[in-house]
PDB file of N, CA and C in Angstrom:
ATOM      1  N   UNK A   1      43.028-205.324  -6.121  1.00  0.00           N
ATOM      2  CA  UNK A   1      41.610-205.024  -6.216  1.00  0.00           C
ATOM      3  C   UNK A   1      41.071-204.909  -4.791  1.00  0.00           C
ATOM      4  N   UNK A   2      40.197-203.965  -4.612  1.00  0.00           N
ATOM      5  CA  UNK A   2      39.556-203.802  -3.313  1.00  0.00           C
ATOM      6  C   UNK A   2      38.596-204.957  -3.083  1.00  0.00           C
ATOM      7  N   UNK A   3      38.568-205.480  -1.846  1.00  0.00           N
ATOM      8  CA  UNK A   3      37.662-206.560  -1.484  1.00  0.00           C
ATOM      9  C   UNK A   3      36.766-206.064  -0.354  1.00  0.00           C
ATOM     10  N   UNK A   4      35.476-206.053  -0.604  1.00  0.00           N
ATOM     11  CA  UNK A   4      34.499-205.624   0.396  1.00  0.00           C
ATOM     12  C   UNK A   4      33.784-206.864   0.912  1.00  0.00           C
ATOM     13  N   UNK A   5      33.799-207.057   2.224  1.00  0.00           N
ATOM     14  CA  UNK A   5      33.176-208.227   2.834  1.00  0.00           C
ATOM     15  C   UNK A   5      31.834-207.831   3.441  1.00  0.00           C
ATOM     16  N   UNK A   6      30.794-208.583   3.080  1.00  0.00           N
ATOM     17  CA  UNK A   6      29.438-208.327   3.558  1.00  0.00           C
ATOM     18  C   UNK A   6      28.827-209.608   4.104  1.00  0.00           C
ATOM     19  N   UNK A   7      27.949-209.463   5.094  1.00  0.00           N
ATOM     20  CA  UNK A   7      27.136-210.575   5.568  1.00  0.00           C
ATOM     21  C   UNK A   7      25.690-210.212   5.300  1.00  0.00           C
ATOM     22  N   UNK A   8      24.964-211.118   4.676  1.00  0.00           N
ATOM     23  CA  UNK A   8      23.575-210.853   4.286  1.00  0.00           C
ATOM     24  C   UNK A   8      22.706-212.033   4.685  1.00  0.00           C
ATOM     25  N   UNK A   9      21.428-211.747   4.902  1.00  0.00           N
ATOM     26  CA  UNK A   9      20.491-212.837   5.147  1.00  0.00           C
ATOM     27  C   UNK A   9      19.525-212.995   3.982  1.00  0.00           C
ATOM     28  N   UNK A  10      19.867-212.351   2.855  1.00  0.00           N
ATOM     29  CA  UNK A  10      19.075-212.508   1.635  1.00  0.00           C
ATOM     30  C   UNK A  10      20.026-212.483   0.438  1.00  0.00           C
ATOM     31  N   UNK A  11      19.481-212.677  -0.743  1.00  0.00           N
ATOM     32  CA  UNK A  11      20.300-212.729  -1.956  1.00  0.00           C
ATOM     33  C   UNK A  11      20.177-211.452  -2.773  1.00  0.00           C
ATOM     34  N   UNK A  12      19.609-210.395  -2.202  1.00  0.00           N
ATOM     35  CA  UNK A  12      19.458-209.126  -2.912  1.00  0.00           C
ATOM     36  C   UNK A  12      20.809-208.422  -2.971  1.00  0.00           C
ATOM     37  N   UNK A  13      21.378-208.351  -4.144  1.00  0.00           N
ATOM     38  CA  UNK A  13      22.678-207.719  -4.340  1.00  0.00           C
ATOM     39  C   UNK A  13      22.567-206.844  -5.582  1.00  0.00           C
ATOM     40  N   UNK A  14      22.693-205.550  -5.380  1.00  0.00           N
ATOM     41  CA  UNK A  14      22.533-204.596  -6.474  1.00  0.00           C
ATOM     42  C   UNK A  14      23.867-203.963  -6.806  1.00  0.00           C
ATOM     43  N   UNK A  15      24.111-203.717  -8.084  1.00  0.00           N
ATOM     44  CA  UNK A  15      25.335-203.075  -8.534  1.00  0.00           C
ATOM     45  C   UNK A  15      25.311-201.616  -8.088  1.00  0.00           C
ATOM     46  N   UNK A  16      26.336-201.163  -7.362  1.00  0.00           N
ATOM     47  CA  UNK A  16      26.341-199.771  -6.916  1.00  0.00           C
ATOM     48  C   UNK A  16      26.502-198.764  -8.059  1.00  0.00           C
ATOM     49  N   UNK A  17      26.993-199.194  -9.209  1.00  0.00           N
ATOM     50  CA  UNK A  17      27.181-198.278 -10.340  1.00  0.00           C
ATOM     51  C   UNK A  17      25.915-198.143 -11.182  1.00  0.00           C
ATOM     52  N   UNK A  18      25.184-199.249 -11.374  1.00  0.00           N
ATOM     53  CA  UNK A  18      24.010-199.211 -12.247  1.00  0.00           C
ATOM     54  C   UNK A  18      22.690-199.197 -11.483  1.00  0.00           C
ATOM     55  N   UNK A  19      22.704-199.689 -10.247  1.00  0.00           N
ATOM     56  CA  UNK A  19      21.470-199.799  -9.471  1.00  0.00           C
ATOM     57  C   UNK A  19      20.647-201.018  -9.821  1.00  0.00           C
ATOM     58  N   UNK A  20      21.119-201.829 -10.771  1.00  0.00           N
ATOM     59  CA  UNK A  20      20.396-203.034 -11.185  1.00  0.00           C
ATOM     60  C   UNK A  20      20.807-204.228 -10.328  1.00  0.00           C
ATOM     61  N   UNK A  21      19.900-205.213 -10.186  1.00  0.00           N
ATOM     62  CA  UNK A  21      20.303-206.441  -9.510  1.00  0.00           C
ATOM     63  C   UNK A  21      21.494-207.052 -10.251  1.00  0.00           C
ATOM     64  N   UNK A  22      22.456-207.574  -9.503  1.00  0.00           N
ATOM     65  CA  UNK A  22      23.650-208.146 -10.128  1.00  0.00           C
ATOM     66  C   UNK A  22      23.307-209.452 -10.835  1.00  0.00           C
ATOM     67  N   UNK A  23      22.399-210.240 -10.237  1.00  0.00           N
ATOM     68  CA  UNK A  23      22.026-211.530 -10.820  1.00  0.00           C
ATOM     69  C   UNK A  23      20.521-211.631 -11.004  1.00  0.00           C
ATOM     70  N   UNK A  24      20.120-212.394 -12.011  1.00  0.00           N
ATOM     71  CA  UNK A  24      18.710-212.707 -12.240  1.00  0.00           C
ATOM     72  C   UNK A  24      18.286-213.760 -11.226  1.00  0.00           C
ATOM     73  N   UNK A  25      16.999-214.006 -11.112  1.00  0.00           N
ATOM     74  CA  UNK A  25      16.496-215.047 -10.207  1.00  0.00           C
ATOM     75  C   UNK A  25      17.042-216.417 -10.572  1.00  0.00           C
ATOM     76  N   UNK A  26      17.393-216.610 -11.831  1.00  0.00           N
ATOM     77  CA  UNK A  26      17.926-217.893 -12.298  1.00  0.00           C
ATOM     78  C   UNK A  26      19.405-218.065 -11.951  1.00  0.00           C
ATOM     79  N   UNK A  27      20.035-217.004 -11.431  1.00  0.00           N
ATOM     80  CA  UNK A  27      21.449-217.071 -11.091  1.00  0.00           C
ATOM     81  C   UNK A  27      22.367-216.540 -12.167  1.00  0.00           C
ATOM     82  N   UNK A  28      21.826-216.235 -13.330  1.00  0.00           N
ATOM     83  CA  UNK A  28      22.638-215.687 -14.421  1.00  0.00           C
ATOM     84  C   UNK A  28      22.941-214.220 -14.144  1.00  0.00           C
ATOM     85  N   UNK A  29      24.081-213.728 -14.632  1.00  0.00           N
ATOM     86  CA  UNK A  29      24.393-212.311 -14.436  1.00  0.00           C
ATOM     87  C   UNK A  29      23.335-211.411 -15.074  1.00  0.00           C
ATOM     88  N   UNK A  30      22.994-210.369 -14.377  1.00  0.00           N
ATOM     89  CA  UNK A  30      22.028-209.395 -14.867  1.00  0.00           C
ATOM     90  C   UNK A  30      22.717-208.065 -15.174  1.00  0.00           C
ATOM     91  N   UNK A  31      23.693-207.702 -14.359  1.00  0.00           N
ATOM     92  CA  UNK A  31      24.393-206.424 -14.537  1.00  0.00           C
ATOM     93  C   UNK A  31      25.549-206.599 -15.519  1.00  0.00           C
ATOM     94  N   UNK A  32      25.709-205.633 -16.385  1.00  0.00           N
ATOM     95  CA  UNK A  32      26.793-205.685 -17.377  1.00  0.00           C
ATOM     96  C   UNK A  32      28.160-205.483 -16.732  1.00  0.00           C
ATOM     97  N   UNK A  33      28.197-205.149 -15.474  1.00  0.00           N
ATOM     98  CA  UNK A  33      29.445-204.881 -14.759  1.00  0.00           C
ATOM     99  C   UNK A  33      30.101-206.135 -14.191  1.00  0.00           C
ATOM    100  N   UNK A  34      29.421-207.277 -14.217  1.00  0.00           N
ATOM    101  CA  UNK A  34      29.953-208.514 -13.630  1.00  0.00           C
ATOM    102  C   UNK A  34      31.152-209.010 -14.435  1.00  0.00           C
ATOM    103  N   UNK A  35      32.259-209.283 -13.732  1.00  0.00           N
ATOM    104  CA  UNK A  35      33.484-209.769 -14.376  1.00  0.00           C
ATOM    105  C   UNK A  35      33.935-211.133 -13.854  1.00  0.00           C
ATOM    106  N   UNK A  36      33.406-211.541 -12.694  1.00  0.00           N
ATOM    107  CA  UNK A  36      33.783-212.839 -12.154  1.00  0.00           C
ATOM    108  C   UNK A  36      32.867-213.244 -11.021  1.00  0.00           C
ATOM    109  N   UNK A  37      32.726-214.565 -10.830  1.00  0.00           N
ATOM    110  CA  UNK A  37      31.888-215.084  -9.753  1.00  0.00           C
ATOM    111  C   UNK A  37      32.409-216.441  -9.301  1.00  0.00           C
ATOM    112  N   UNK A  38      32.616-216.581  -7.993  1.00  0.00           N
ATOM    113  CA  UNK A  38      33.047-217.833  -7.380  1.00  0.00           C
ATOM    114  C   UNK A  38      32.104-218.164  -6.238  1.00  0.00           C
ATOM    115  N   UNK A  39      31.965-219.454  -5.954  1.00  0.00           N
ATOM    116  CA  UNK A  39      31.174-219.924  -4.817  1.00  0.00           C
ATOM    117  C   UNK A  39      32.086-220.770  -3.938  1.00  0.00           C
ATOM    118  N   UNK A  40      31.935-220.676  -2.617  1.00  0.00           N
ATOM    119  CA  UNK A  40      32.822-221.405  -1.711  1.00  0.00           C
ATOM    120  C   UNK A  40      32.706-222.916  -1.830  1.00  0.00           C
ATOM    121  N   UNK A  41      31.618-223.409  -2.422  1.00  0.00           N
ATOM    122  CA  UNK A  41      31.453-224.852  -2.570  1.00  0.00           C
ATOM    123  C   UNK A  41      32.451-225.443  -3.558  1.00  0.00           C
ATOM    124  N   UNK A  42      32.795-224.702  -4.603  1.00  0.00           N
ATOM    125  CA  UNK A  42      33.785-225.126  -5.595  1.00  0.00           C
ATOM    126  C   UNK A  42      34.628-223.913  -5.995  1.00  0.00           C
ATOM    127  N   UNK A  43      35.477-223.429  -5.100  1.00  0.00           N
ATOM    128  CA  UNK A  43      36.213-222.201  -5.397  1.00  0.00           C
ATOM    129  C   UNK A  43      37.201-222.337  -6.552  1.00  0.00           C
ATOM    130  N   UNK A  44      37.639-223.543  -6.834  1.00  0.00           N
ATOM    131  CA  UNK A  44      38.613-223.724  -7.919  1.00  0.00           C
ATOM    132  C   UNK A  44      37.974-223.632  -9.300  1.00  0.00           C
ATOM    133  N   UNK A  45      36.642-223.602  -9.349  1.00  0.00           N
ATOM    134  CA  UNK A  45      35.931-223.533 -10.621  1.00  0.00           C
ATOM    135  C   UNK A  45      35.004-222.316 -10.639  1.00  0.00           C
ATOM    136  N   UNK A  46      35.517-221.147 -11.026  1.00  0.00           N
ATOM    137  CA  UNK A  46      34.630-219.977 -11.074  1.00  0.00           C
ATOM    138  C   UNK A  46      33.476-220.221 -12.035  1.00  0.00           C
ATOM    139  N   UNK A  47      32.313-219.748 -11.651  1.00  0.00           N
ATOM    140  CA  UNK A  47      31.138-219.923 -12.497  1.00  0.00           C
ATOM    141  C   UNK A  47      31.114-218.908 -13.629  1.00  0.00           C
ATOM    142  N   UNK A  48      31.840-217.826 -13.450  1.00  0.00           N
ATOM    143  CA  UNK A  48      31.932-216.796 -14.469  1.00  0.00           C
ATOM    144  C   UNK A  48      33.298-216.148 -14.326  1.00  0.00           C
ATOM    145  N   UNK A  49      33.998-215.981 -15.431  1.00  0.00           N
ATOM    146  CA  UNK A  49      35.323-215.377 -15.389  1.00  0.00           C
ATOM    147  C   UNK A  49      35.559-214.646 -16.698  1.00  0.00           C
ATOM    148  N   UNK A  50      35.748-213.330 -16.603  1.00  0.00           N
ATOM    149  CA  UNK A  50      35.958-212.526 -17.809  1.00  0.00           C
ATOM    150  C   UNK A  50      37.297-212.875 -18.455  1.00  0.00           C
ATOM    151  N   UNK A  51      37.422-212.552 -19.715  1.00  0.00           N
ATOM    152  CA  UNK A  51      38.664-212.811 -20.449  1.00  0.00           C
ATOM    153  C   UNK A  51      39.848-212.108 -19.793  1.00  0.00           C
ATOM    154  N   UNK A  52      39.608-210.941 -19.184  1.00  0.00           N
ATOM    155  CA  UNK A  52      40.698-210.202 -18.531  1.00  0.00           C
ATOM    156  C   UNK A  52      41.239-210.933 -17.316  1.00  0.00           C
ATOM    157  N   UNK A  53      40.408-211.712 -16.633  1.00  0.00           N
ATOM    158  CA  UNK A  53      40.840-212.416 -15.420  1.00  0.00           C
ATOM    159  C   UNK A  53      41.350-213.835 -15.671  1.00  0.00           C
ATOM    160  N   UNK A  54      41.003-214.420 -16.808  1.00  0.00           N
ATOM    161  CA  UNK A  54      41.341-215.822 -17.058  1.00  0.00           C
ATOM    162  C   UNK A  54      42.831-216.133 -16.954  1.00  0.00           C
ATOM    163  N   UNK A  55      43.746-215.365 -17.580  1.00  0.00           N
ATOM    164  CA  UNK A  55      45.168-215.716 -17.463  1.00  0.00           C
ATOM    165  C   UNK A  55      45.695-215.574 -16.034  1.00  0.00           C
ATOM    166  N   UNK A  56      45.230-214.557 -15.325  1.00  0.00           N
ATOM    167  CA  UNK A  56      45.678-214.367 -13.947  1.00  0.00           C
ATOM    168  C   UNK A  56      45.168-215.483 -13.048  1.00  0.00           C
ATOM    169  N   UNK A  57      43.933-215.914 -13.273  1.00  0.00           N
ATOM    170  CA  UNK A  57      43.364-217.012 -12.481  1.00  0.00           C
ATOM    171  C   UNK A  57      44.124-218.308 -12.770  1.00  0.00           C
ATOM    172  N   UNK A  58      44.416-218.572 -14.035  1.00  0.00           N
ATOM    173  CA  UNK A  58      45.164-219.783 -14.403  1.00  0.00           C
ATOM    174  C   UNK A  58      46.535-219.790 -13.730  1.00  0.00           C
ATOM    175  N   UNK A  59      47.198-218.636 -13.692  1.00  0.00           N
ATOM    176  CA  UNK A  59      48.507-218.542 -13.037  1.00  0.00           C
ATOM    177  C   UNK A  59      48.380-218.781 -11.538  1.00  0.00           C
ATOM    178  N   UNK A  60      47.350-218.248 -10.922  1.00  0.00           N
ATOM    179  CA  UNK A  60      47.121-218.454  -9.481  1.00  0.00           C
ATOM    180  C   UNK A  60      46.902-219.934  -9.185  1.00  0.00           C
ATOM    181  N   UNK A  61      46.057-220.576  -9.975  1.00  0.00           N
ATOM    182  CA  UNK A  61      45.766-221.998  -9.773  1.00  0.00           C
ATOM    183  C   UNK A  61      47.036-222.821  -9.939  1.00  0.00           C
ATOM    184  N   UNK A  62      47.843-222.518 -10.959  1.00  0.00           N
ATOM    185  CA  UNK A  62      49.090-223.254 -11.191  1.00  0.00           C
ATOM    186  C   UNK A  62      50.047-223.085 -10.014  1.00  0.00           C
ATOM    187  N   UNK A  63      50.150-221.881  -9.491  1.00  0.00           N
ATOM    188  CA  UNK A  63      51.024-221.627  -8.342  1.00  0.00           C
ATOM    189  C   UNK A  63      50.551-222.393  -7.119  1.00  0.00           C
ATOM    190  N   UNK A  64      49.255-222.395  -6.887  1.00  0.00           N
ATOM    191  CA  UNK A  64      48.705-223.117  -5.738  1.00  0.00           C
ATOM    192  C   UNK A  64      48.902-224.625  -5.902  1.00  0.00           C
ATOM    193  N   UNK A  65      48.728-225.124  -7.126  1.00  0.00           N
ATOM    194  CA  UNK A  65      48.943-226.555  -7.376  1.00  0.00           C
ATOM    195  C   UNK A  65      50.391-226.938  -7.099  1.00  0.00           C
ATOM    196  N   UNK A  66      51.344-226.110  -7.565  1.00  0.00           N
ATOM    197  CA  UNK A  66      52.764-226.376  -7.347  1.00  0.00           C
ATOM    198  C   UNK A  66      53.089-226.406  -5.861  1.00  0.00           C
ATOM    199  N   UNK A  67      52.461-225.532  -5.107  1.00  0.00           N
ATOM    200  CA  UNK A  67      52.692-225.474  -3.661  1.00  0.00           C
ATOM    201  C   UNK A  67      51.847-226.507  -2.909  1.00  0.00           C
ATOM    202  N   UNK A  68      51.074-227.297  -3.651  1.00  0.00           N
ATOM    203  CA  UNK A  68      50.186-228.309  -3.080  1.00  0.00           C
ATOM    204  C   UNK A  68      49.207-227.689  -2.080  1.00  0.00           C
ATOM    205  N   UNK A  69      48.674-226.534  -2.470  1.00  0.00           N
ATOM    206  CA  UNK A  69      47.697-225.830  -1.642  1.00  0.00           C
ATOM    207  C   UNK A  69      46.418-225.630  -2.447  1.00  0.00           C
ATOM    208  N   UNK A  70      45.324-225.453  -1.740  1.00  0.00           N
ATOM    209  CA  UNK A  70      44.063-225.192  -2.433  1.00  0.00           C
ATOM    210  C   UNK A  70      44.021-223.727  -2.868  1.00  0.00           C
ATOM    211  N   UNK A  71      43.160-223.442  -3.822  1.00  0.00           N
ATOM    212  CA  UNK A  71      43.053-222.075  -4.315  1.00  0.00           C
ATOM    213  C   UNK A  71      42.535-221.170  -3.203  1.00  0.00           C
ATOM    214  N   UNK A  72      42.956-219.930  -3.255  1.00  0.00           N
ATOM    215  CA  UNK A  72      42.550-218.930  -2.267  1.00  0.00           C
ATOM    216  C   UNK A  72      41.959-217.764  -3.052  1.00  0.00           C
ATOM    217  N   UNK A  73      40.638-217.762  -3.191  1.00  0.00           N
ATOM    218  CA  UNK A  73      39.964-216.750  -3.995  1.00  0.00           C
ATOM    219  C   UNK A  73      40.240-215.356  -3.444  1.00  0.00           C
ATOM    220  N   UNK A  74      40.188-215.203  -2.139  1.00  0.00           N
ATOM    221  CA  UNK A  74      40.413-213.892  -1.528  1.00  0.00           C
ATOM    222  C   UNK A  74      41.809-213.366  -1.849  1.00  0.00           C
ATOM    223  N   UNK A  75      42.832-214.210  -1.700  1.00  0.00           N
ATOM    224  CA  UNK A  75      44.207-213.787  -2.011  1.00  0.00           C
ATOM    225  C   UNK A  75      44.339-213.438  -3.492  1.00  0.00           C
ATOM    226  N   UNK A  76      43.703-214.235  -4.348  1.00  0.00           N
ATOM    227  CA  UNK A  76      43.748-213.945  -5.782  1.00  0.00           C
ATOM    228  C   UNK A  76      43.156-212.573  -6.073  1.00  0.00           C
ATOM    229  N   UNK A  77      41.974-212.316  -5.549  1.00  0.00           N
ATOM    230  CA  UNK A  77      41.299-211.053  -5.830  1.00  0.00           C
ATOM    231  C   UNK A  77      42.107-209.862  -5.326  1.00  0.00           C
ATOM    232  N   UNK A  78      42.710-209.996  -4.164  1.00  0.00           N
ATOM    233  CA  UNK A  78      43.524-208.904  -3.616  1.00  0.00           C
ATOM    234  C   UNK A  78      44.772-208.657  -4.476  1.00  0.00           C
ATOM    235  N   UNK A  79      45.215-209.679  -5.208  1.00  0.00           N
ATOM    236  CA  UNK A  79      46.430-209.543  -6.020  1.00  0.00           C
ATOM    237  C   UNK A  79      46.176-208.910  -7.390  1.00  0.00           C
ATOM    238  N   UNK A  80      44.928-208.848  -7.810  1.00  0.00           N
ATOM    239  CA  UNK A  80      44.591-208.335  -9.140  1.00  0.00           C
ATOM    240  C   UNK A  80      44.654-206.807  -9.143  1.00  0.00           C
ATOM    241  N   UNK A  81      45.357-206.263 -10.124  1.00  0.00           N
ATOM    242  CA  UNK A  81      45.479-204.809 -10.268  1.00  0.00           C
ATOM    243  C   UNK A  81      44.580-204.332 -11.407  1.00  0.00           C
ATOM    244  N   UNK A  82      43.351-204.038 -11.086  1.00  0.00           N
ATOM    245  CA  UNK A  82      42.376-203.537 -12.061  1.00  0.00           C
ATOM    246  C   UNK A  82      41.692-202.321 -11.440  1.00  0.00           C
ATOM    247  N   UNK A  83      42.190-201.123 -11.715  1.00  0.00           N
ATOM    248  CA  UNK A  83      41.557-199.921 -11.150  1.00  0.00           C
ATOM    249  C   UNK A  83      40.073-199.855 -11.526  1.00  0.00           C
ATOM    250  N   UNK A  84      39.267-199.546 -10.552  1.00  0.00           N
ATOM    251  CA  UNK A  84      37.831-199.444 -10.799  1.00  0.00           C
ATOM    252  C   UNK A  84      37.077-200.748 -10.626  1.00  0.00           C
ATOM    253  N   UNK A  85      37.794-201.850 -10.468  1.00  0.00           N
ATOM    254  CA  UNK A  85      37.135-203.130 -10.243  1.00  0.00           C
ATOM    255  C   UNK A  85      37.087-203.375  -8.737  1.00  0.00           C
ATOM    256  N   UNK A  86      35.962-203.909  -8.266  1.00  0.00           N
ATOM    257  CA  UNK A  86      35.769-204.182  -6.846  1.00  0.00           C
ATOM    258  C   UNK A  86      35.225-205.597  -6.692  1.00  0.00           C
ATOM    259  N   UNK A  87      35.779-206.311  -5.720  1.00  0.00           N
ATOM    260  CA  UNK A  87      35.293-207.654  -5.417  1.00  0.00           C
ATOM    261  C   UNK A  87      34.436-207.599  -4.159  1.00  0.00           C
ATOM    262  N   UNK A  88      33.333-208.304  -4.188  1.00  0.00           N
ATOM    263  CA  UNK A  88      32.441-208.387  -3.037  1.00  0.00           C
ATOM    264  C   UNK A  88      32.430-209.824  -2.544  1.00  0.00           C
ATOM    265  N   UNK A  89      32.843-210.016  -1.302  1.00  0.00           N
ATOM    266  CA  UNK A  89      32.755-211.323  -0.653  1.00  0.00           C
ATOM    267  C   UNK A  89      31.493-211.279   0.195  1.00  0.00           C
ATOM    268  N   UNK A  90      30.516-212.083  -0.185  1.00  0.00           N
ATOM    269  CA  UNK A  90      29.220-212.039   0.492  1.00  0.00           C
ATOM    270  C   UNK A  90      28.953-213.380   1.155  1.00  0.00           C
ATOM    271  N   UNK A  91      28.799-213.330   2.468  1.00  0.00           N
ATOM    272  CA  UNK A  91      28.434-214.511   3.223  1.00  0.00           C
ATOM    273  C   UNK A  91      26.955-214.403   3.533  1.00  0.00           C
ATOM    274  N   UNK A  92      26.197-215.383   3.061  1.00  0.00           N
ATOM    275  CA  UNK A  92      24.749-215.397   3.257  1.00  0.00           C
ATOM    276  C   UNK A  92      24.403-216.483   4.258  1.00  0.00           C
ATOM    277  N   UNK A  93      23.506-216.144   5.157  1.00  0.00           N
ATOM    278  CA  UNK A  93      23.064-217.093   6.170  1.00  0.00           C
ATOM    279  C   UNK A  93      21.808-217.795   5.702  1.00  0.00           C
ATOM    280  N   UNK A  94      21.660-219.024   6.178  1.00  0.00           N
ATOM    281  CA  UNK A  94      20.454-219.786   5.877  1.00  0.00           C
ATOM    282  C   UNK A  94      19.306-219.290   6.731  1.00  0.00           C
ATOM    283  N   UNK A  95      18.396-220.149   7.030  1.00  0.00           N
ATOM    284  CA  UNK A  95      17.211-219.780   7.790  1.00  0.00           C
ATOM    285  C   UNK A  95      17.613-219.158   9.124  1.00  0.00           C
ATOM    286  N   UNK A  96      17.321-217.895   9.283  1.00  0.00           N
ATOM    287  CA  UNK A  96      17.607-217.141  10.507  1.00  0.00           C
ATOM    288  C   UNK A  96      19.070-217.304  10.930  1.00  0.00           C
ATOM    289  N   UNK A  97      19.933-217.319   9.948  1.00  0.00           N
ATOM    290  CA  UNK A  97      21.384-217.431  10.191  1.00  0.00           C
ATOM    291  C   UNK A  97      21.741-218.678  10.988  1.00  0.00           C
ATOM    292  N   UNK A  98      21.107-219.773  10.654  1.00  0.00           N
ATOM    293  CA  UNK A  98      21.431-221.052  11.281  1.00  0.00           C
ATOM    294  C   UNK A  98      22.776-221.546  10.796  1.00  0.00           C
ATOM    295  N   UNK A  99      22.997-222.849  10.871  1.00  0.00           N
ATOM    296  CA  UNK A  99      24.315-223.386  10.531  1.00  0.00           C
ATOM    297  C   UNK A  99      24.655-223.334   9.036  1.00  0.00           C
ATOM    298  N   UNK A 100      23.665-223.151   8.191  1.00  0.00           N
ATOM    299  CA  UNK A 100      23.912-223.156   6.746  1.00  0.00           C
ATOM    300  C   UNK A 100      24.340-221.766   6.273  1.00  0.00           C
ATOM    301  N   UNK A 101      25.599-221.652   5.875  1.00  0.00           N
ATOM    302  CA  UNK A 101      26.073-220.389   5.310  1.00  0.00           C
ATOM    303  C   UNK A 101      26.740-220.679   3.975  1.00  0.00           C
ATOM    304  N   UNK A 102      26.776-219.663   3.145  1.00  0.00           N
ATOM    305  CA  UNK A 102      27.406-219.777   1.838  1.00  0.00           C
ATOM    306  C   UNK A 102      28.169-218.487   1.576  1.00  0.00           C
ATOM    307  N   UNK A 103      29.366-218.617   1.021  1.00  0.00           N
ATOM    308  CA  UNK A 103      30.150-217.440   0.668  1.00  0.00           C
ATOM    309  C   UNK A 103      30.379-217.425  -0.830  1.00  0.00           C
ATOM    310  N   UNK A 104      30.176-216.252  -1.413  1.00  0.00           N
ATOM    311  CA  UNK A 104      30.441-216.057  -2.839  1.00  0.00           C
ATOM    312  C   UNK A 104      31.337-214.837  -2.994  1.00  0.00           C
ATOM    313  N   UNK A 105      32.034-214.797  -4.118  1.00  0.00           N
ATOM    314  CA  UNK A 105      32.857-213.650  -4.471  1.00  0.00           C
ATOM    315  C   UNK A 105      32.405-213.183  -5.845  1.00  0.00           C
ATOM    316  N   UNK A 106      32.065-211.909  -5.953  1.00  0.00           N
ATOM    317  CA  UNK A 106      31.613-211.333  -7.210  1.00  0.00           C
ATOM    318  C   UNK A 106      32.473-210.132  -7.528  1.00  0.00           C
ATOM    319  N   UNK A 107      33.015-210.098  -8.746  1.00  0.00           N
ATOM    320  CA  UNK A 107      33.828-208.971  -9.193  1.00  0.00           C
ATOM    321  C   UNK A 107      32.982-208.098 -10.114  1.00  0.00           C
ATOM    322  N   UNK A 108      32.946-206.794  -9.807  1.00  0.00           N
ATOM    323  CA  UNK A 108      32.219-205.836 -10.632  1.00  0.00           C
ATOM    324  C   UNK A 108      33.188-204.776 -11.150  1.00  0.00           C
ATOM    325  N   UNK A 109      33.002-204.399 -12.397  1.00  0.00           N
ATOM    326  CA  UNK A 109      33.777-203.307 -12.985  1.00  0.00           C
ATOM    327  C   UNK A 109      32.980-202.034 -12.757  1.00  0.00           C
ATOM    328  N   UNK A 110      33.407-201.229 -11.791  1.00  0.00           N
ATOM    329  CA  UNK A 110      32.687-200.011 -11.437  1.00  0.00           C
ATOM    330  C   UNK A 110      33.277-198.772 -12.059  1.00  0.00           C
ATOM    331  N   UNK A 111      34.231-198.963 -12.982  1.00  0.00           N
ATOM    332  CA  UNK A 111      34.862-197.793 -13.613  1.00  0.00           C
ATOM    333  C   UNK A 111      34.007-197.201 -14.710  1.00  0.00           C
TER     334      UNK A 111
END
């Protein structure tokens, strides 16, 4: 899967296929294209994971556990073969890009 890395100072993220905001103000998915969502604070627990990604994610987690390594969301996303699906790694800065940053990964089905 293609992984696009972005740095943003706001939370405005629109689906390039539909033009709609990807998430509602409450944090719930808004775009029908959303297939997965991870946050760097708890990468081992995706907040949203489509049925198509669940077995692959479980296998990745099991492999990482066996190797006694933490999950690697970026490596997982790059390993997924889903034509038309794109992952966005978005690093958002806090107030004026101070020390507070957050990274999320969102998978969209753009096919």
